[in-house]
N, C-alpha and C. Protein backbone atom coordinates (compact mmCIF):
# COMPACT_ATOMS: atom_id res chain seq x y z
N MET A 1 -9.77 -8.90 5.04
CA MET A 1 -8.79 -8.79 4.09
C MET A 1 -7.86 -9.80 4.36
N ARG A 2 -7.18 -10.01 3.26
CA ARG A 2 -5.86 -11.30 3.34
C ARG A 2 -4.79 -10.62 2.74
N TYR A 3 -3.43 -11.00 3.15
CA TYR A 3 -2.30 -10.29 2.66
C TYR A 3 -1.44 -11.31 2.17
N HIS A 4 -0.23 -11.20 1.43
CA HIS A 4 0.50 -12.03 0.90
C HIS A 4 1.94 -12.08 1.49
N GLN A 5 2.26 -10.93 1.81
CA GLN A 5 3.70 -10.64 2.36
C GLN A 5 3.74 -9.57 3.38
N TYR A 6 4.30 -9.56 4.29
CA TYR A 6 4.76 -8.42 5.17
C TYR A 6 6.16 -8.33 5.67
N TYR A 7 6.77 -7.37 5.09
CA TYR A 7 8.21 -6.95 5.38
C TYR A 7 8.31 -5.98 6.78
N PRO A 8 8.89 -6.41 7.82
CA PRO A 8 8.77 -5.41 9.01
C PRO A 8 9.97 -4.41 8.64
N VAL A 9 10.87 -4.86 7.98
CA VAL A 9 12.15 -3.91 7.65
C VAL A 9 12.18 -3.87 6.10
N ASP A 10 12.07 -2.82 5.29
CA ASP A 10 12.03 -2.80 3.77
C ASP A 10 12.74 -1.56 3.54
N ILE A 11 13.58 -1.50 2.60
CA ILE A 11 14.36 -0.36 1.97
C ILE A 11 14.07 -0.11 0.49
N VAL A 12 13.18 -1.00 -0.15
CA VAL A 12 13.06 -0.80 -1.50
C VAL A 12 11.37 -0.29 -1.72
N ASN A 13 10.57 -0.51 -1.16
CA ASN A 13 9.16 -0.07 -1.44
C ASN A 13 9.01 1.17 -0.75
N GLY A 14 9.52 2.16 -1.24
CA GLY A 14 9.25 3.54 -0.43
C GLY A 14 10.56 4.18 0.00
N PRO A 15 10.45 5.52 0.19
CA PRO A 15 11.65 6.01 0.85
C PRO A 15 12.20 5.61 2.33
N GLY A 16 13.43 5.51 2.56
CA GLY A 16 13.75 5.34 3.93
C GLY A 16 13.58 3.77 4.19
N THR A 17 13.78 3.59 5.76
CA THR A 17 13.44 2.28 6.17
C THR A 17 12.13 2.06 6.63
N ARG A 18 11.26 1.34 6.00
CA ARG A 18 9.86 1.30 6.28
C ARG A 18 9.38 -0.17 6.45
N CYS A 19 8.02 -0.34 6.86
CA CYS A 19 7.25 -1.48 6.84
C CYS A 19 6.62 -1.68 5.62
N THR A 20 6.40 -2.82 4.98
CA THR A 20 5.50 -2.91 3.83
C THR A 20 4.65 -4.08 3.82
N LEU A 21 3.37 -3.75 3.44
CA LEU A 21 2.41 -5.03 3.49
C LEU A 21 1.89 -5.09 2.03
N PHE A 22 1.89 -6.43 1.42
CA PHE A 22 1.15 -6.52 0.13
C PHE A 22 -0.10 -7.33 0.51
N VAL A 23 -1.22 -6.71 0.00
CA VAL A 23 -2.45 -7.24 0.41
C VAL A 23 -2.99 -8.06 -0.82
N SER A 24 -4.07 -8.86 -0.67
CA SER A 24 -4.49 -9.77 -1.50
C SER A 24 -5.81 -8.96 -2.44
N GLY A 25 -5.84 -9.21 -3.64
CA GLY A 25 -7.00 -8.66 -4.34
C GLY A 25 -6.69 -7.26 -5.31
N CYS A 26 -7.01 -7.78 -6.47
CA CYS A 26 -6.69 -6.72 -7.64
C CYS A 26 -7.57 -7.17 -8.74
N VAL A 27 -8.50 -6.04 -9.07
CA VAL A 27 -9.28 -6.18 -10.35
C VAL A 27 -8.69 -5.87 -11.49
N HIS A 28 -7.46 -4.91 -11.57
CA HIS A 28 -6.90 -4.45 -12.74
C HIS A 28 -6.22 -5.41 -13.50
N GLU A 29 -5.48 -6.51 -12.84
CA GLU A 29 -4.98 -7.45 -13.57
C GLU A 29 -4.18 -6.78 -14.68
N CYS A 30 -3.08 -6.08 -14.43
CA CYS A 30 -2.48 -5.25 -15.50
C CYS A 30 -1.37 -6.57 -16.07
N PRO A 31 -1.41 -6.56 -17.32
CA PRO A 31 -0.58 -7.30 -18.00
C PRO A 31 0.93 -6.86 -17.74
N GLY A 32 1.82 -7.83 -17.50
CA GLY A 32 3.14 -7.54 -17.14
C GLY A 32 3.36 -7.25 -15.58
N CYS A 33 2.15 -7.20 -14.76
CA CYS A 33 2.30 -7.19 -13.36
C CYS A 33 3.28 -7.99 -12.75
N TYR A 34 4.25 -7.52 -11.72
CA TYR A 34 5.21 -8.24 -11.23
C TYR A 34 4.65 -9.01 -9.94
N ASN A 35 3.33 -8.75 -9.53
CA ASN A 35 2.71 -9.49 -8.29
C ASN A 35 1.55 -10.20 -8.49
N LYS A 36 1.58 -10.91 -9.69
CA LYS A 36 0.27 -11.64 -10.20
C LYS A 36 -0.40 -12.43 -8.91
N SER A 37 0.40 -13.13 -8.12
CA SER A 37 0.29 -13.99 -7.25
C SER A 37 -1.06 -13.23 -6.32
N THR A 38 -0.96 -12.04 -6.09
CA THR A 38 -1.83 -11.16 -5.20
C THR A 38 -3.23 -10.86 -5.77
N TRP A 39 -3.47 -11.19 -6.89
CA TRP A 39 -4.73 -10.84 -7.66
C TRP A 39 -5.95 -11.34 -6.98
N ARG A 40 -5.94 -12.78 -6.51
CA ARG A 40 -7.17 -13.23 -6.05
C ARG A 40 -7.62 -12.78 -4.70
N LEU A 41 -8.58 -12.42 -4.45
CA LEU A 41 -9.05 -11.74 -2.88
C LEU A 41 -8.85 -12.87 -1.94
N ASN A 42 -8.96 -14.22 -2.20
CA ASN A 42 -8.97 -15.15 -1.26
C ASN A 42 -7.54 -15.69 -1.34
N SER A 43 -6.59 -15.41 -1.90
CA SER A 43 -5.26 -15.71 -1.61
C SER A 43 -4.50 -15.07 -0.50
N GLY A 44 -3.48 -15.74 -0.15
CA GLY A 44 -2.77 -15.35 1.16
C GLY A 44 -3.19 -15.66 2.34
N LEU A 45 -2.91 -14.74 3.33
CA LEU A 45 -3.35 -15.24 4.72
C LEU A 45 -4.43 -14.21 5.24
N PRO A 46 -5.06 -14.53 6.19
CA PRO A 46 -5.89 -13.39 7.00
C PRO A 46 -5.36 -12.61 7.55
N PHE A 47 -5.80 -11.35 7.24
CA PHE A 47 -5.19 -10.06 8.26
C PHE A 47 -5.87 -9.83 9.55
N THR A 48 -5.36 -10.11 10.55
CA THR A 48 -5.77 -10.33 11.91
C THR A 48 -5.37 -9.11 12.66
N ASP A 49 -6.26 -8.93 13.86
CA ASP A 49 -5.80 -7.88 14.83
C ASP A 49 -4.48 -8.05 15.29
N ALA A 50 -3.98 -9.30 15.22
CA ALA A 50 -2.48 -9.47 15.88
C ALA A 50 -1.69 -9.06 14.73
N MET A 51 -1.94 -9.10 13.53
CA MET A 51 -0.91 -8.68 12.47
C MET A 51 -1.03 -7.07 12.48
N ALA A 52 -2.38 -6.42 12.48
CA ALA A 52 -2.08 -4.84 12.65
C ALA A 52 -1.43 -4.67 13.97
N ASP A 53 -1.62 -5.50 15.13
CA ASP A 53 -0.68 -4.98 16.30
C ASP A 53 0.81 -5.01 16.05
N ARG A 54 1.29 -6.02 15.11
CA ARG A 54 2.57 -6.16 14.93
C ARG A 54 3.00 -5.10 14.17
N ILE A 55 2.24 -4.60 13.16
CA ILE A 55 2.65 -3.39 12.22
C ILE A 55 2.82 -2.08 13.20
N ILE A 56 1.81 -1.79 14.13
CA ILE A 56 2.15 -0.72 14.85
C ILE A 56 3.13 -0.87 15.64
N ALA A 57 3.62 -2.32 16.39
CA ALA A 57 4.80 -2.39 17.13
C ALA A 57 6.05 -1.99 16.26
N ASP A 58 5.93 -2.61 15.09
CA ASP A 58 7.28 -2.49 14.40
C ASP A 58 7.38 -1.04 14.09
N LEU A 59 6.33 -0.31 13.48
CA LEU A 59 6.39 1.12 13.26
C LEU A 59 7.14 1.71 14.54
N ASN A 60 6.80 1.38 15.81
CA ASN A 60 7.31 2.27 16.97
C ASN A 60 8.35 1.69 17.45
N ASP A 61 9.25 0.75 16.85
CA ASP A 61 10.18 0.02 17.41
C ASP A 61 11.45 1.08 17.43
N THR A 62 12.05 1.50 18.36
CA THR A 62 13.00 2.35 18.39
C THR A 62 14.46 1.71 18.03
N ARG A 63 14.67 0.37 17.94
CA ARG A 63 15.68 -0.29 17.63
C ARG A 63 16.04 -0.18 16.18
N VAL A 64 14.79 -0.29 15.26
CA VAL A 64 15.18 0.05 13.95
C VAL A 64 14.07 1.12 13.62
N LYS A 65 14.52 2.29 13.28
CA LYS A 65 13.61 3.19 13.17
C LYS A 65 13.14 3.29 11.74
N ARG A 66 11.99 3.24 11.71
CA ARG A 66 11.23 3.23 10.31
C ARG A 66 10.55 4.69 9.99
N GLN A 67 10.52 5.04 8.75
CA GLN A 67 10.13 6.38 8.42
C GLN A 67 8.48 6.17 8.37
N GLY A 68 8.11 5.03 7.81
CA GLY A 68 6.69 4.69 7.68
C GLY A 68 6.03 3.50 7.09
N ILE A 69 5.14 3.34 6.55
CA ILE A 69 4.76 2.17 5.78
C ILE A 69 4.16 2.24 4.67
N SER A 70 4.41 1.05 3.49
CA SER A 70 4.08 1.10 2.51
C SER A 70 2.84 0.08 2.30
N LEU A 71 1.81 0.31 1.37
CA LEU A 71 0.73 -0.44 1.29
C LEU A 71 0.64 -0.84 -0.12
N SER A 72 0.59 -2.06 -0.44
CA SER A 72 0.73 -2.30 -1.80
C SER A 72 -0.11 -3.72 -2.12
N GLY A 73 0.05 -4.27 -2.95
CA GLY A 73 -0.47 -5.68 -3.38
C GLY A 73 -0.16 -6.09 -4.61
N GLY A 74 -1.28 -6.85 -5.09
CA GLY A 74 -2.65 -6.52 -4.99
C GLY A 74 -3.06 -5.25 -5.27
N ASP A 75 -4.11 -4.65 -4.53
CA ASP A 75 -4.52 -3.20 -4.41
C ASP A 75 -5.24 -3.00 -3.25
N PRO A 76 -4.71 -2.09 -2.17
CA PRO A 76 -5.10 -1.83 -1.05
C PRO A 76 -6.47 -1.05 -0.88
N LEU A 77 -6.53 -0.43 -2.10
CA LEU A 77 -7.98 0.36 -2.42
C LEU A 77 -8.93 -0.42 -3.12
N HIS A 78 -8.78 -1.97 -3.28
CA HIS A 78 -9.81 -2.82 -3.73
C HIS A 78 -10.97 -2.50 -2.77
N PRO A 79 -12.12 -2.43 -3.37
CA PRO A 79 -13.40 -2.17 -2.41
C PRO A 79 -13.24 -3.15 -1.38
N GLN A 80 -13.03 -4.31 -1.46
CA GLN A 80 -13.32 -5.26 -0.28
C GLN A 80 -12.02 -5.10 0.90
N ASN A 81 -11.10 -4.48 0.24
CA ASN A 81 -9.92 -4.32 1.33
C ASN A 81 -10.01 -2.93 2.11
N VAL A 82 -10.77 -1.80 1.64
CA VAL A 82 -10.71 -0.61 1.93
C VAL A 82 -11.28 -0.53 3.38
N PRO A 83 -12.31 -1.16 3.91
CA PRO A 83 -12.71 -1.18 5.49
C PRO A 83 -11.49 -1.61 6.23
N GLU A 84 -10.49 -2.35 5.99
CA GLU A 84 -9.63 -2.90 7.01
C GLU A 84 -8.40 -2.05 6.67
N ILE A 85 -8.15 -1.59 5.51
CA ILE A 85 -6.83 -0.50 5.29
C ILE A 85 -7.34 0.63 6.00
N LEU A 86 -8.58 1.07 5.95
CA LEU A 86 -8.99 2.41 6.61
C LEU A 86 -8.74 2.32 8.00
N ARG A 87 -9.20 1.00 8.82
CA ARG A 87 -8.88 1.02 10.09
C ARG A 87 -7.40 0.94 10.60
N LEU A 88 -6.51 0.39 9.59
CA LEU A 88 -5.32 0.10 9.85
C LEU A 88 -4.54 1.57 9.55
N VAL A 89 -4.95 2.55 8.69
CA VAL A 89 -4.55 3.81 8.42
C VAL A 89 -4.84 4.60 9.77
N LYS A 90 -5.85 4.39 10.26
CA LYS A 90 -6.61 5.06 11.28
C LYS A 90 -5.58 4.85 12.45
N ARG A 91 -5.50 3.68 12.81
CA ARG A 91 -4.68 3.20 13.78
C ARG A 91 -3.26 3.80 13.70
N ILE A 92 -2.64 3.73 12.90
CA ILE A 92 -1.17 4.20 12.41
C ILE A 92 -1.16 5.62 12.74
N ARG A 93 -2.24 6.44 12.27
CA ARG A 93 -2.35 7.95 12.44
C ARG A 93 -2.28 8.26 13.96
N ALA A 94 -3.08 7.45 14.49
CA ALA A 94 -3.30 7.64 16.31
C ALA A 94 -2.07 7.13 17.00
N GLU A 95 -1.51 6.05 16.59
CA GLU A 95 -0.66 5.40 17.44
C GLU A 95 1.03 5.56 17.13
N CYS A 96 1.11 6.00 15.89
CA CYS A 96 2.62 6.02 15.19
C CYS A 96 2.82 7.61 14.80
N PRO A 97 2.74 8.46 15.75
CA PRO A 97 3.01 9.75 15.37
C PRO A 97 4.14 10.17 14.32
N GLY A 98 4.20 10.81 13.43
CA GLY A 98 5.39 10.97 12.46
C GLY A 98 5.73 10.05 11.33
N LYS A 99 4.89 8.90 11.48
CA LYS A 99 5.21 7.82 10.41
C LYS A 99 4.56 8.19 9.20
N ASP A 100 5.16 8.13 7.88
CA ASP A 100 4.28 8.30 6.63
C ASP A 100 3.61 7.43 6.05
N ILE A 101 2.52 7.46 5.35
CA ILE A 101 1.82 6.26 4.73
C ILE A 101 1.73 6.41 3.15
N TRP A 102 2.41 5.72 2.57
CA TRP A 102 2.45 5.27 1.15
C TRP A 102 1.50 4.46 0.47
N VAL A 103 0.60 4.43 -0.32
CA VAL A 103 -0.34 3.37 -0.99
C VAL A 103 -0.05 3.56 -2.56
N TRP A 104 -0.13 2.10 -2.99
CA TRP A 104 0.05 2.12 -4.50
C TRP A 104 -1.50 1.41 -4.84
N THR A 105 -1.90 2.01 -5.85
CA THR A 105 -3.32 1.61 -6.56
C THR A 105 -3.37 1.75 -7.94
N GLY A 106 -4.34 0.67 -8.44
CA GLY A 106 -4.33 0.72 -9.83
C GLY A 106 -5.60 1.72 -10.28
N TYR A 107 -6.03 2.25 -9.28
CA TYR A 107 -7.24 3.19 -9.37
C TYR A 107 -6.47 4.76 -9.69
N LYS A 108 -7.09 5.50 -10.54
CA LYS A 108 -6.61 6.96 -10.53
C LYS A 108 -7.21 7.62 -9.62
N LEU A 109 -6.53 8.63 -9.16
CA LEU A 109 -7.16 9.48 -7.84
C LEU A 109 -8.45 10.23 -8.15
N GLU A 110 -9.00 10.62 -9.44
CA GLU A 110 -9.96 11.09 -9.64
C GLU A 110 -11.18 9.98 -9.96
N GLU A 111 -10.75 8.75 -9.71
CA GLU A 111 -11.74 7.80 -9.95
C GLU A 111 -12.27 7.05 -8.67
N LEU A 112 -11.69 7.57 -7.66
CA LEU A 112 -12.08 6.98 -6.29
C LEU A 112 -13.23 7.16 -5.75
N SER A 113 -13.87 6.25 -5.07
CA SER A 113 -15.12 6.25 -4.33
C SER A 113 -14.65 6.95 -3.16
N ALA A 114 -16.04 7.39 -2.46
CA ALA A 114 -16.00 8.17 -1.25
C ALA A 114 -15.28 7.18 -0.22
N GLU A 115 -15.57 6.02 -0.15
CA GLU A 115 -15.00 5.06 0.71
C GLU A 115 -13.26 4.96 0.45
N GLN A 116 -12.90 4.97 -0.86
CA GLN A 116 -11.59 4.89 -0.85
C GLN A 116 -10.84 6.37 -0.65
N ARG A 117 -11.60 7.43 -0.79
CA ARG A 117 -11.19 8.74 -0.44
C ARG A 117 -10.87 9.01 1.08
N GLU A 118 -11.65 8.38 1.71
CA GLU A 118 -11.43 8.14 3.02
C GLU A 118 -9.89 7.82 3.64
N VAL A 119 -9.67 6.77 3.02
CA VAL A 119 -8.33 6.26 3.03
C VAL A 119 -7.34 7.30 2.62
N VAL A 120 -7.64 7.72 1.29
CA VAL A 120 -6.65 8.65 0.62
C VAL A 120 -6.27 9.98 1.66
N ASP A 121 -7.49 10.50 2.17
CA ASP A 121 -7.41 11.78 2.88
C ASP A 121 -6.51 11.62 4.15
N ARG A 122 -6.11 10.34 4.50
CA ARG A 122 -5.21 10.09 5.73
C ARG A 122 -3.77 9.68 5.35
N ILE A 123 -3.44 9.51 4.29
CA ILE A 123 -2.29 9.15 3.94
C ILE A 123 -1.31 10.24 3.38
N ASN A 124 0.05 10.01 3.13
CA ASN A 124 0.84 10.93 2.81
C ASN A 124 1.27 10.86 1.24
N VAL A 125 1.12 9.71 0.74
CA VAL A 125 1.53 9.55 -0.87
C VAL A 125 0.75 8.46 -1.44
N LEU A 126 -0.01 8.75 -2.75
CA LEU A 126 -0.60 8.03 -3.29
C LEU A 126 0.29 7.70 -4.67
N VAL A 127 0.48 6.60 -5.07
CA VAL A 127 0.85 6.18 -6.47
C VAL A 127 -0.22 5.57 -7.15
N ASP A 128 -0.65 6.25 -8.26
CA ASP A 128 -2.02 5.74 -8.87
C ASP A 128 -1.73 5.47 -10.35
N GLY A 129 -2.76 4.64 -10.72
CA GLY A 129 -2.69 4.19 -12.07
C GLY A 129 -2.20 2.73 -12.48
N LYS A 130 -2.88 2.17 -13.33
CA LYS A 130 -2.57 0.78 -13.75
C LYS A 130 -1.08 0.75 -14.28
N PHE A 131 -0.58 -0.30 -13.95
CA PHE A 131 0.75 -0.48 -14.85
C PHE A 131 0.41 -0.86 -16.08
N VAL A 132 1.20 -0.25 -17.12
CA VAL A 132 1.08 -0.34 -18.44
C VAL A 132 2.63 -0.86 -19.08
N GLN A 133 2.53 -2.04 -19.41
CA GLN A 133 3.65 -2.65 -20.13
C GLN A 133 4.44 -1.92 -20.97
N ASP A 134 3.68 -1.30 -22.02
CA ASP A 134 4.49 -0.48 -23.11
C ASP A 134 4.90 0.91 -22.55
N LEU A 135 4.51 1.21 -21.11
CA LEU A 135 5.15 2.40 -20.70
C LEU A 135 6.04 2.05 -19.56
N LYS A 136 6.44 1.07 -19.42
CA LYS A 136 7.55 0.30 -18.60
C LYS A 136 8.76 1.41 -18.56
N ASP A 137 9.32 1.66 -17.30
CA ASP A 137 10.62 2.24 -17.32
C ASP A 137 11.23 2.16 -16.18
N PRO A 138 12.32 1.22 -16.26
CA PRO A 138 12.96 1.00 -14.98
C PRO A 138 13.59 2.04 -14.32
N ALA A 139 13.81 3.07 -14.87
CA ALA A 139 14.52 4.50 -14.38
C ALA A 139 13.50 5.27 -13.48
N LEU A 140 12.34 5.09 -13.40
CA LEU A 140 11.22 5.56 -12.66
C LEU A 140 11.27 5.31 -11.42
N ILE A 141 11.22 6.22 -10.29
CA ILE A 141 11.22 5.95 -8.95
C ILE A 141 9.81 5.83 -8.18
N TRP A 142 9.77 4.81 -7.76
CA TRP A 142 8.39 4.55 -6.86
C TRP A 142 7.13 4.02 -7.76
N ARG A 143 7.39 3.94 -9.12
CA ARG A 143 6.32 3.42 -10.07
C ARG A 143 6.89 2.61 -11.21
N GLY A 144 6.13 1.88 -11.93
CA GLY A 144 6.73 1.06 -12.86
C GLY A 144 6.60 1.58 -14.34
N SER A 145 5.39 2.22 -14.55
CA SER A 145 5.27 2.86 -15.76
C SER A 145 5.10 4.37 -15.76
N SER A 146 5.22 4.93 -16.80
CA SER A 146 5.28 6.56 -17.01
C SER A 146 3.98 6.83 -16.93
N ASN A 147 2.82 6.21 -16.96
CA ASN A 147 1.45 6.74 -16.75
C ASN A 147 1.25 6.97 -15.15
N GLN A 148 1.72 6.15 -14.50
CA GLN A 148 1.66 6.19 -13.10
C GLN A 148 2.04 7.57 -12.33
N VAL A 149 1.39 8.27 -11.41
CA VAL A 149 1.45 9.54 -10.80
C VAL A 149 1.74 9.23 -9.37
N VAL A 150 2.69 9.98 -9.00
CA VAL A 150 3.11 9.92 -7.56
C VAL A 150 2.55 11.10 -6.92
N HIS A 151 1.48 11.13 -6.05
CA HIS A 151 0.73 12.21 -5.71
C HIS A 151 1.34 12.29 -4.07
N HIS A 152 1.79 13.37 -3.87
CA HIS A 152 2.37 13.93 -2.49
C HIS A 152 1.33 14.83 -1.73
N LEU A 153 0.37 14.19 -0.95
CA LEU A 153 -0.61 14.55 -0.50
C LEU A 153 -0.52 15.57 0.82
N ARG A 154 0.49 15.08 1.50
CA ARG A 154 0.71 16.08 2.86
C ARG A 154 2.24 15.76 3.25
């Protein structure tokens, strides 16, 4: 897996203060996407064990309390990202008690493969659906267009 940006302290991409990781790779290529630079799977930087360790350390840092992590992109549920995202989500669940996990994807919840469901079964919130330019609404919270759905899973 590769990633474009990691914010150790973020107050924009989800509720509260959180960590945010923007991964590479998106098959949806939605017209009007604000993050086109993340579409290519081979763009960005390699996601390493050291980066995963840093995320875990940041989530557990008591100097800046974080509510959780936001995983966006690109698309964290791109089939090539799923194994590494699943590994990261499992680590967060095991090593960062009480932290919530939000995932943004262009896939719809009902379209997910068994592998993608493994990730979703371990997260708190899934924001699903492709961004649709004609349905863009800046008044929406946590989503860009009105067709997207915020699923509070746990």
